[in-house]
N, C-alpha and C. Protein backbone atom coordinates (compact mmCIF):
# COMPACT_ATOMS: atom_id res chain seq x y z
N MET A 1 81.65 128.66 56.08
CA MET A 1 82.31 127.64 55.87
C MET A 1 84.07 127.70 55.88
N LEU A 2 84.29 129.44 54.79
CA LEU A 2 85.71 129.07 54.90
C LEU A 2 86.00 129.61 56.68
N LEU A 3 85.08 130.18 56.64
CA LEU A 3 85.63 130.68 58.43
C LEU A 3 86.15 129.74 58.98
N PHE A 4 85.36 128.45 59.30
CA PHE A 4 85.79 127.11 60.06
C PHE A 4 86.75 126.70 59.90
N ALA A 5 87.23 126.53 58.37
CA ALA A 5 88.42 125.83 57.89
C ALA A 5 89.27 126.74 58.27
N LEU A 6 89.45 128.22 58.28
CA LEU A 6 90.66 129.10 58.63
C LEU A 6 90.46 128.44 60.18
N PHE A 7 90.13 128.46 60.92
CA PHE A 7 90.05 128.32 62.50
C PHE A 7 90.53 127.06 63.07
N LEU A 8 90.24 125.72 61.51
CA LEU A 8 91.21 124.85 61.78
C LEU A 8 92.37 124.81 61.59
N ILE A 9 92.64 125.40 60.29
CA ILE A 9 94.07 125.86 59.79
C ILE A 9 94.91 126.52 61.32
N GLY A 10 94.26 127.43 61.73
CA GLY A 10 95.03 128.29 62.88
C GLY A 10 94.96 127.14 64.00
N ALA A 11 93.97 126.47 64.47
CA ALA A 11 94.19 125.60 65.87
C ALA A 11 95.38 124.91 65.47
N ASP A 12 95.64 124.05 64.21
CA ASP A 12 96.58 122.90 63.88
C ASP A 12 98.09 123.69 63.63
N TYR A 13 98.09 125.00 63.73
CA TYR A 13 99.50 126.04 63.65
C TYR A 13 99.54 126.17 65.33
N VAL A 14 99.07 126.83 65.98
CA VAL A 14 98.64 126.99 67.03
C VAL A 14 99.59 125.78 68.27
N TYR A 15 99.05 124.55 67.92
CA TYR A 15 99.27 123.68 68.58
C TYR A 15 100.76 123.05 68.16
N ALA A 16 100.45 123.45 66.76
CA ALA A 16 102.37 122.44 66.36
C ALA A 16 102.83 123.27 66.73
N GLN A 17 103.01 124.66 67.31
CA GLN A 17 104.14 125.60 67.47
C GLN A 17 104.11 125.52 69.28
N ARG A 18 103.48 124.65 69.69
CA ARG A 18 103.68 123.87 71.32
C ARG A 18 104.89 124.00 71.81
N PRO A 19 105.49 124.32 72.34
CA PRO A 19 106.86 123.92 72.99
C PRO A 19 106.75 122.42 73.59
N ALA A 20 108.02 121.65 73.69
CA ALA A 20 108.06 120.71 74.24
C ALA A 20 108.18 120.30 75.41
N SER A 21 108.16 121.61 75.82
CA SER A 21 108.55 121.62 77.84
C SER A 21 107.81 122.87 78.00
N PRO A 22 106.39 123.20 77.58
CA PRO A 22 105.57 124.14 78.13
C PRO A 22 105.64 124.64 79.41
N ARG A 23 105.29 126.45 79.80
CA ARG A 23 105.56 127.03 80.99
C ARG A 23 104.07 126.42 81.63
N GLY A 24 104.79 126.02 83.03
CA GLY A 24 103.34 126.11 83.67
C GLY A 24 103.56 127.05 85.37
N GLU A 25 102.73 126.87 86.31
CA GLU A 25 102.81 127.93 87.12
C GLU A 25 101.98 127.30 88.50
N ALA A 26 102.76 127.45 89.31
CA ALA A 26 101.94 126.92 90.96
C ALA A 26 101.85 128.30 91.30
N SER A 27 100.83 128.30 92.34
CA SER A 27 100.53 129.67 92.81
C SER A 27 99.52 129.24 94.59
N THR A 28 100.00 129.64 95.53
CA THR A 28 98.57 129.99 96.43
C THR A 28 99.06 131.53 96.99
N GLN A 29 97.75 131.84 97.84
CA GLN A 29 97.62 132.90 97.88
C GLN A 29 97.42 132.30 99.78
N ILE A 30 98.27 133.03 100.46
CA ILE A 30 97.81 132.82 101.91
C ILE A 30 97.60 134.50 102.21
N GLY A 31 96.53 134.83 103.07
CA GLY A 31 96.08 136.09 103.24
C GLY A 31 95.84 137.02 102.05
N GLU A 32 96.33 138.31 102.13
CA GLU A 32 97.00 138.89 100.75
C GLU A 32 97.99 138.46 99.70
N ALA A 33 98.85 137.77 100.72
CA ALA A 33 100.37 137.54 99.91
C ALA A 33 100.08 136.58 98.57
N TRP A 34 100.97 136.29 97.76
CA TRP A 34 100.93 135.73 96.52
C TRP A 34 101.94 134.95 96.99
N ILE A 35 102.37 133.33 96.98
CA ILE A 35 103.65 132.82 96.39
C ILE A 35 103.34 132.15 94.67
N ILE A 36 104.59 132.18 94.33
CA ILE A 36 103.72 131.82 92.60
C ILE A 36 105.72 131.13 92.71
N VAL A 37 105.48 129.80 91.34
CA VAL A 37 106.35 129.39 91.03
C VAL A 37 106.24 129.40 89.86
N ASP A 38 107.20 129.71 88.30
CA ASP A 38 106.94 129.64 87.40
C ASP A 38 107.73 128.54 86.88
N TYR A 39 107.65 127.67 85.98
CA TYR A 39 108.58 126.51 85.48
C TYR A 39 108.51 126.40 84.12
N GLY A 40 109.63 125.39 84.31
CA GLY A 40 109.00 124.68 82.51
C GLY A 40 108.56 123.05 82.62
N ARG A 41 107.39 122.36 82.17
CA ARG A 41 107.34 121.26 82.79
C ARG A 41 107.56 120.04 81.29
N PRO A 42 108.33 119.62 81.64
CA PRO A 42 109.33 118.74 80.66
C PRO A 42 107.89 117.38 80.72
N ILE A 43 107.97 116.45 79.92
CA ILE A 43 107.28 115.41 79.62
C ILE A 43 108.05 113.98 79.69
N LEU A 44 107.25 112.80 80.02
CA LEU A 44 108.10 111.85 79.80
C LEU A 44 108.32 111.18 78.31
N ARG A 45 107.26 111.39 77.59
CA ARG A 45 107.24 110.74 76.32
C ARG A 45 107.58 109.61 76.25
N GLY A 46 107.51 108.75 77.28
CA GLY A 46 107.77 106.89 77.09
C GLY A 46 108.70 106.63 77.85
N ARG A 47 109.32 107.78 78.19
CA ARG A 47 110.99 107.60 78.70
C ARG A 47 110.74 106.98 80.46
N THR A 48 111.53 105.93 80.69
CA THR A 48 111.03 105.73 82.01
C THR A 48 112.26 105.52 83.07
N GLY A 49 112.00 105.50 84.36
CA GLY A 49 113.49 105.67 84.99
C GLY A 49 114.20 106.87 85.11
N ILE A 50 113.26 108.21 84.63
CA ILE A 50 114.06 109.35 84.66
C ILE A 50 115.24 110.53 85.32
N PHE A 51 114.87 109.84 86.70
CA PHE A 51 115.95 110.37 87.35
C PHE A 51 117.49 108.96 87.84
N GLY A 52 117.35 107.96 87.09
CA GLY A 52 118.39 106.92 87.08
C GLY A 52 118.44 106.71 88.86
N SER A 53 119.48 105.44 88.68
CA SER A 53 119.75 105.76 89.92
C SER A 53 121.36 105.08 89.93
N GLY A 54 121.94 105.21 91.34
CA GLY A 54 123.31 104.77 91.70
C GLY A 54 124.10 106.13 91.31
N GLU A 55 125.29 105.86 90.95
CA GLU A 55 126.52 107.43 90.77
C GLU A 55 125.33 107.96 89.55
N GLU A 56 124.89 107.36 88.57
CA GLU A 56 124.24 108.04 87.70
C GLU A 56 122.65 108.80 88.00
N TYR A 57 122.50 108.82 89.12
CA TYR A 57 120.84 109.14 89.54
C TYR A 57 121.24 110.99 89.62
N GLY A 58 119.71 111.52 88.51
CA GLY A 58 119.52 112.93 88.13
C GLY A 58 120.42 113.24 87.28
N THR A 59 121.55 112.26 86.56
CA THR A 59 122.39 113.45 85.26
C THR A 59 121.29 113.17 84.24
N ALA A 60 120.74 112.40 84.13
CA ALA A 60 119.56 112.84 82.77
C ALA A 60 118.77 114.11 82.55
N VAL A 61 118.54 114.34 84.07
CA VAL A 61 117.79 115.97 83.89
C VAL A 61 118.33 116.77 83.81
N THR A 62 120.04 116.78 84.80
CA THR A 62 120.87 118.15 85.00
C THR A 62 121.81 118.20 83.90
N GLY A 63 122.35 117.27 82.98
CA GLY A 63 123.03 117.19 81.86
C GLY A 63 124.40 117.68 82.22
N PRO A 64 124.98 118.26 82.17
CA PRO A 64 125.95 118.80 82.40
C PRO A 64 126.31 119.69 83.71
N ALA A 65 125.19 120.61 83.84
CA ALA A 65 125.22 121.42 85.23
C ALA A 65 124.93 121.05 86.20
N PRO A 66 125.94 121.45 87.48
CA PRO A 66 125.73 120.82 88.64
C PRO A 66 124.54 120.60 89.29
N VAL A 67 123.57 121.38 89.36
CA VAL A 67 122.61 120.88 89.66
C VAL A 67 120.78 121.17 88.56
N TRP A 68 119.72 120.45 89.17
CA TRP A 68 118.70 120.67 88.08
C TRP A 68 118.01 121.98 88.54
N ARG A 69 117.53 122.06 87.11
CA ARG A 69 116.56 123.84 87.22
C ARG A 69 115.39 123.55 87.82
N ALA A 70 114.98 122.47 88.15
CA ALA A 70 113.66 122.06 88.78
C ALA A 70 112.52 122.13 87.74
N GLY A 71 112.74 121.41 86.80
CA GLY A 71 112.07 121.60 85.04
C GLY A 71 112.84 121.52 84.21
N ALA A 72 112.52 122.56 82.96
CA ALA A 72 112.95 122.54 81.64
C ALA A 72 113.20 124.18 81.18
N ASN A 73 114.23 124.12 80.56
CA ASN A 73 114.49 125.67 79.60
C ASN A 73 114.83 126.57 80.72
N LYS A 74 114.15 127.61 80.41
CA LYS A 74 114.79 128.78 81.16
C LYS A 74 114.02 128.52 82.65
N SER A 75 115.26 128.71 83.60
CA SER A 75 115.25 128.58 85.31
C SER A 75 113.97 128.76 85.87
N THR A 76 113.83 127.65 86.71
CA THR A 76 112.67 127.71 87.26
C THR A 76 112.87 129.47 88.29
N ARG A 77 111.56 130.12 89.00
CA ARG A 77 111.42 130.94 89.10
C ARG A 77 110.96 131.21 90.49
N LEU A 78 110.94 131.77 91.78
CA LEU A 78 109.80 131.86 92.89
C LEU A 78 109.93 133.04 93.19
N HIS A 79 108.36 133.71 93.46
CA HIS A 79 108.36 135.04 94.01
C HIS A 79 107.14 134.79 95.23
N THR A 80 108.02 135.59 95.85
CA THR A 80 107.22 135.70 96.96
C THR A 80 106.89 137.12 97.79
N ASP A 81 105.49 137.57 98.11
CA ASP A 81 105.37 138.87 98.44
C ASP A 81 105.24 138.32 99.99
N VAL A 82 106.03 137.98 100.37
CA VAL A 82 105.75 137.60 101.79
C VAL A 82 107.30 136.83 102.74
N PRO A 83 108.25 136.81 103.70
CA PRO A 83 109.24 136.33 103.73
C PRO A 83 108.54 135.47 104.03
N LEU A 84 109.36 133.89 103.57
CA LEU A 84 108.84 132.66 104.23
C LEU A 84 110.67 132.15 104.72
N MET A 85 109.85 131.34 105.72
CA MET A 85 110.71 130.29 106.96
C MET A 85 111.12 128.65 106.14
N ILE A 86 112.10 128.22 105.56
CA ILE A 86 112.30 126.76 104.60
C ILE A 86 113.42 126.69 105.33
N GLY A 87 113.23 125.40 106.05
CA GLY A 87 114.46 125.02 106.47
C GLY A 87 115.18 125.54 107.25
N GLY A 88 114.72 126.12 107.76
CA GLY A 88 115.42 127.45 109.33
C GLY A 88 115.21 128.04 109.01
N THR A 89 115.63 128.63 107.42
CA THR A 89 116.31 129.49 106.94
C THR A 89 115.14 130.90 106.66
N GLU A 90 115.39 132.10 107.18
CA GLU A 90 114.51 132.98 106.56
C GLU A 90 114.71 133.46 105.14
N VAL A 91 113.74 133.28 104.33
CA VAL A 91 114.19 133.93 102.61
C VAL A 91 113.49 135.41 103.15
N PRO A 92 113.49 136.25 102.69
CA PRO A 92 113.18 137.58 102.29
C PRO A 92 112.36 137.70 101.06
N ALA A 93 111.14 138.71 101.27
CA ALA A 93 109.79 138.61 99.72
C ALA A 93 110.66 138.81 99.06
N GLY A 94 110.40 138.85 97.69
CA GLY A 94 111.13 138.56 96.57
C GLY A 94 111.23 137.50 95.85
N GLU A 95 112.23 137.87 94.59
CA GLU A 95 111.67 136.77 93.47
C GLU A 95 113.74 135.91 93.06
N TYR A 96 113.07 134.35 93.29
CA TYR A 96 114.77 133.59 93.45
C TYR A 96 114.50 132.56 92.15
N SER A 97 115.91 132.22 91.91
CA SER A 97 115.65 130.91 90.91
C SER A 97 116.05 129.72 91.96
N VAL A 98 115.00 128.71 91.65
CA VAL A 98 114.85 127.04 92.21
C VAL A 98 115.37 126.71 91.52
N PHE A 99 116.51 125.76 92.29
CA PHE A 99 117.26 124.55 91.71
C PHE A 99 117.00 123.47 92.52
N ALA A 100 117.75 122.45 92.21
CA ALA A 100 117.71 121.51 93.02
C ALA A 100 118.69 120.30 93.11
N GLU A 101 119.59 119.99 94.21
CA GLU A 101 120.55 119.19 93.91
C GLU A 101 120.16 117.70 94.37
N LEU A 102 120.61 116.43 92.97
CA LEU A 102 119.76 115.71 93.08
C LEU A 102 120.89 113.97 93.55
N ASN A 103 120.04 113.62 94.68
CA ASN A 103 120.97 112.16 95.09
C ASN A 103 120.08 111.36 95.29
N GLN A 104 120.46 110.01 95.14
CA GLN A 104 119.34 108.92 94.93
C GLN A 104 118.50 109.25 96.52
N GLY A 105 117.52 109.00 96.85
CA GLY A 105 116.79 109.20 98.48
C GLY A 105 116.85 110.55 98.94
N SER A 106 118.16 111.66 98.72
CA SER A 106 117.64 112.89 99.01
C SER A 106 117.92 114.22 97.86
N TRP A 107 117.13 115.10 98.19
CA TRP A 107 117.16 116.17 97.05
C TRP A 107 117.92 117.29 98.52
N THR A 108 118.10 118.27 97.82
CA THR A 108 118.13 119.28 98.24
C THR A 108 117.98 120.52 97.41
N PHE A 109 116.98 121.59 98.19
CA PHE A 109 115.95 122.58 97.81
C PHE A 109 116.66 123.87 97.90
N ILE A 110 117.29 124.69 96.65
CA ILE A 110 118.25 125.50 96.32
C ILE A 110 117.39 126.90 95.81
N LEU A 111 117.07 127.91 96.86
CA LEU A 111 116.78 129.10 96.61
C LEU A 111 118.02 129.89 96.34
N SER A 112 118.26 130.73 94.93
CA SER A 112 119.37 131.54 94.53
C SER A 112 119.21 133.02 94.13
N THR A 113 119.93 134.04 94.04
CA THR A 113 119.96 135.45 93.50
C THR A 113 120.03 135.36 91.98
N HIS A 114 120.28 134.11 91.55
CA HIS A 114 120.92 134.09 90.09
C HIS A 114 119.98 134.34 89.47
N GLU A 115 120.14 135.31 88.21
CA GLU A 115 118.81 135.47 87.88
C GLU A 115 118.80 134.86 86.35
N ALA A 116 117.21 134.94 85.02
CA ALA A 116 117.28 133.88 84.86
C ALA A 116 117.16 134.31 83.55
N LYS A 117 117.77 133.99 82.27
CA LYS A 117 117.47 134.09 81.09
C LYS A 117 116.66 133.85 80.18
N ASP A 118 116.04 134.22 79.25
CA ASP A 118 114.52 134.11 78.52
C ASP A 118 115.64 132.85 77.73
N SER A 119 116.39 132.75 76.98
CA SER A 119 117.12 131.72 76.15
C SER A 119 118.86 131.72 76.59
N GLY A 120 119.73 130.42 76.01
CA GLY A 120 120.88 130.74 76.28
C GLY A 120 121.49 131.58 75.29
N ARG A 121 120.87 131.81 74.49
CA ARG A 121 121.69 133.46 73.23
C ARG A 121 121.17 134.60 74.28
N ALA A 122 120.21 134.85 75.19
CA ALA A 122 120.34 136.43 75.45
C ALA A 122 121.16 136.96 76.61
N PRO A 123 121.10 138.15 75.93
CA PRO A 123 122.14 138.85 76.45
C PRO A 123 122.08 138.81 78.31
N GLY A 124 123.48 138.93 78.88
CA GLY A 124 122.79 139.35 80.21
C GLY A 124 123.80 138.23 80.82
N ASP A 125 123.90 138.52 82.42
CA ASP A 125 124.59 137.88 83.43
C ASP A 125 123.85 136.85 83.85
N GLY A 126 122.59 136.57 83.78
CA GLY A 126 121.56 135.40 84.26
C GLY A 126 121.97 134.47 83.61
N LEU A 127 121.49 132.97 84.08
CA LEU A 127 121.66 131.31 83.74
C LEU A 127 120.48 131.63 82.94
N TRP A 128 120.57 130.41 81.72
CA TRP A 128 119.74 130.22 81.38
C TRP A 128 119.54 128.05 81.40
N GLY A 129 118.43 128.02 82.26
CA GLY A 129 118.50 126.71 82.82
C GLY A 129 119.51 126.80 84.19
N SER A 130 120.35 125.67 84.61
CA SER A 130 121.24 125.83 85.46
C SER A 130 122.56 125.60 84.97
N TYR A 131 122.69 125.83 83.78
CA TYR A 131 124.50 126.00 83.10
C TYR A 131 124.94 127.10 84.00
N ASN A 132 126.27 127.02 84.50
CA ASN A 132 126.52 128.24 84.67
C ASN A 132 126.52 128.44 86.38
N TYR A 133 125.48 127.73 87.25
CA TYR A 133 124.96 128.04 88.56
C TYR A 133 126.24 127.88 88.97
N THR A 134 126.41 128.48 90.24
CA THR A 134 127.85 128.75 91.51
C THR A 134 126.48 128.68 92.49
N ALA A 135 127.43 128.61 93.48
CA ALA A 135 126.58 128.19 95.23
C ALA A 135 126.83 129.73 95.90
N ASP A 136 127.91 130.73 95.26
CA ASP A 136 127.91 131.67 95.53
C ASP A 136 126.73 132.57 95.75
N LYS A 137 125.62 132.41 95.54
CA LYS A 137 124.66 133.12 95.21
C LYS A 137 123.46 132.23 95.93
N ASP A 138 123.91 131.85 96.37
CA ASP A 138 122.73 130.46 97.00
C ASP A 138 121.86 131.58 98.63
N VAL A 139 120.70 131.74 98.73
CA VAL A 139 120.01 132.04 99.50
C VAL A 139 119.76 131.03 100.58
N LEU A 140 119.23 130.10 100.19
CA LEU A 140 118.79 128.76 100.79
C LEU A 140 119.43 127.39 100.46
N ARG A 141 119.84 126.74 101.35
CA ARG A 141 120.06 125.26 100.65
C ARG A 141 119.16 124.43 101.69
N ALA A 142 118.10 123.23 101.52
CA ALA A 142 117.40 122.90 102.87
C ALA A 142 117.04 121.05 102.26
N ALA A 143 117.12 120.67 103.35
CA ALA A 143 116.79 118.98 102.89
C ALA A 143 115.37 119.01 102.10
N MET A 144 114.79 118.34 101.62
CA MET A 144 113.70 118.10 100.87
C MET A 144 113.78 116.61 101.20
N THR A 145 112.33 115.87 101.64
CA THR A 145 111.92 114.92 101.85
C THR A 145 111.52 114.32 100.47
N VAL A 146 112.04 113.23 99.94
CA VAL A 146 112.03 112.32 98.86
C VAL A 146 111.15 111.42 98.95
N SER A 147 109.97 111.09 98.13
CA SER A 147 109.35 109.75 98.32
C SER A 147 108.64 109.11 96.94
N ASP A 148 108.31 107.96 96.87
CA ASP A 148 108.24 107.08 95.50
C ASP A 148 106.37 107.35 95.77
N VAL A 149 105.67 107.49 94.49
CA VAL A 149 104.22 107.78 94.26
C VAL A 149 104.43 106.40 93.36
N GLU A 150 103.31 105.86 93.63
CA GLU A 150 102.46 104.33 93.13
C GLU A 150 102.12 104.58 91.75
N PHE A 151 101.62 106.32 91.25
CA PHE A 151 101.66 105.94 90.01
C PHE A 151 102.25 107.09 89.17
N SER A 152 102.20 107.67 87.89
CA SER A 152 103.48 107.81 87.05
C SER A 152 102.62 109.05 86.65
N ILE A 153 103.80 109.94 86.94
CA ILE A 153 103.47 111.65 86.86
C ILE A 153 104.05 112.06 85.24
N ASP A 154 102.89 112.05 84.14
CA ASP A 154 103.63 112.15 82.78
C ASP A 154 104.67 113.49 82.46
N GLN A 155 103.58 114.38 83.42
CA GLN A 155 104.76 115.70 82.92
C GLN A 155 104.96 116.46 84.57
N PHE A 156 106.12 116.29 84.20
CA PHE A 156 106.85 117.27 85.81
C PHE A 156 105.74 118.53 86.15
N THR A 157 105.58 118.18 87.40
CA THR A 157 104.37 119.32 88.46
C THR A 157 104.85 119.77 89.73
N ILE A 158 105.09 121.23 89.89
CA ILE A 158 104.90 121.89 90.96
C ILE A 158 103.61 122.01 91.66
N SER A 159 103.54 121.66 93.07
CA SER A 159 102.09 122.49 93.50
C SER A 159 102.68 122.63 94.77
N PHE A 160 101.71 123.19 95.93
CA PHE A 160 100.78 123.40 96.94
C PHE A 160 100.64 122.63 97.48
N LEU A 161 101.05 122.00 98.40
CA LEU A 161 99.72 121.38 99.49
C LEU A 161 99.49 121.80 100.85
N ASP A 162 98.63 121.35 101.40
CA ASP A 162 98.43 121.64 102.91
C ASP A 162 98.52 122.99 103.43
N VAL A 163 97.88 124.01 102.36
CA VAL A 163 98.59 125.41 102.84
C VAL A 163 97.16 125.95 103.69
N THR A 164 98.14 126.30 104.68
CA THR A 164 97.06 126.71 105.73
C THR A 164 97.46 128.63 106.06
N ASP A 165 96.86 129.03 106.77
CA ASP A 165 96.95 130.39 107.16
C ASP A 165 99.18 130.59 107.78
N GLU A 166 99.05 129.52 108.04
CA GLU A 166 100.45 129.73 108.95
C GLU A 166 101.77 129.37 107.55
N GLY A 167 101.56 128.81 106.45
CA GLY A 167 102.36 128.11 105.24
C GLY A 167 101.70 126.99 104.49
N GLY A 168 102.55 126.13 104.52
CA GLY A 168 102.50 124.74 103.45
C GLY A 168 103.50 123.94 103.04
N THR A 169 103.38 123.62 101.84
CA THR A 169 104.68 122.66 101.23
C THR A 169 104.22 122.75 100.27
N LEU A 170 105.65 122.89 99.48
CA LEU A 170 105.87 123.12 98.27
C LEU A 170 106.42 121.48 97.32
N ALA A 171 105.52 121.13 96.73
CA ALA A 171 106.23 119.62 95.83
C ALA A 171 106.14 119.66 94.73
N MET A 172 107.25 118.93 94.36
CA MET A 172 107.55 118.71 93.13
C MET A 172 107.82 116.83 92.51
N VAL A 173 106.80 117.23 91.50
CA VAL A 173 106.69 115.37 91.44
C VAL A 173 106.79 114.94 89.90
N TRP A 174 107.36 113.98 89.29
CA TRP A 174 107.48 113.79 88.01
C TRP A 174 107.78 112.17 88.27
N GLU A 175 107.73 111.52 87.15
CA GLU A 175 107.23 109.93 86.89
C GLU A 175 106.30 109.36 88.60
N HIS A 176 107.61 108.54 89.30
CA HIS A 176 107.23 107.95 90.42
C HIS A 176 107.88 108.81 91.59
N THR A 177 108.31 109.64 91.48
CA THR A 177 109.58 110.71 92.32
C THR A 177 108.35 111.88 92.85
N MET A 178 108.32 111.95 94.42
CA MET A 178 107.81 113.37 94.88
C MET A 178 108.98 113.61 95.53
N ALA A 179 109.15 114.94 95.63
CA ALA A 179 110.15 115.52 96.47
C ALA A 179 109.36 116.84 97.44
N THR A 180 109.54 116.71 98.48
CA THR A 180 108.61 118.20 99.39
C THR A 180 109.22 118.95 100.27
N ILE A 181 108.73 119.96 100.35
CA ILE A 181 109.29 121.06 101.49
C ILE A 181 108.73 121.78 102.16
N PRO A 182 108.32 122.18 103.41
CA PRO A 182 107.43 122.91 104.25
C PRO A 182 108.23 123.70 104.17
N PHE A 183 107.36 125.06 104.29
CA PHE A 183 107.43 126.23 104.29
C PHE A 183 106.58 126.73 105.56
N THR A 184 107.02 128.27 106.25
CA THR A 184 106.02 128.45 106.35
C THR A 184 106.13 130.31 106.64
N VAL A 185 105.04 131.60 107.13
CA VAL A 185 105.18 132.87 106.83
C VAL A 185 105.66 133.53 107.76
N VAL A 186 106.71 134.27 107.73
CA VAL A 186 107.82 134.97 108.96
C VAL A 186 106.52 136.30 108.75
N ARG A 187 105.93 136.38 109.89
CA ARG A 187 105.05 137.41 110.15
C ARG A 187 105.38 138.52 110.99
């Protein structure tokens, strides 16, 4: 009985320590190659109109940063084992920070060589989120397709859709908004 009680106390402690925006991962495999996105997953927590509208569109998620980190906390990171073609630009195999420039009805997908820091106080030249982001390290800027979905997604989600041996689509969805960008594998 004591062991069961300790387990419950331990489970409550672990649950209480869960971050407000836990990390998530989206991954897909094409042939032997992996494409992986590591990102923070903010939750609506009853909020509505998360992206806003008009001149204020996107400011609730970007804060004072010039672009959105496409998630929460540590900058979103994309790792690819193979070169990809995205929006007409070839992206070499490697690891990149992912950002999105948000305008109502149009988003721009950004891959950057900015390094990511684990916290705002961590030493180094990397970024925490998208604070101090500058476009000089952009590898790619490409238009995303933005659409409304009829249901509400409570927790921000990145996923791979319609994956084939040639490529697929990267999707970001939160609340009633989905933004997608196709990619192909460069052979």
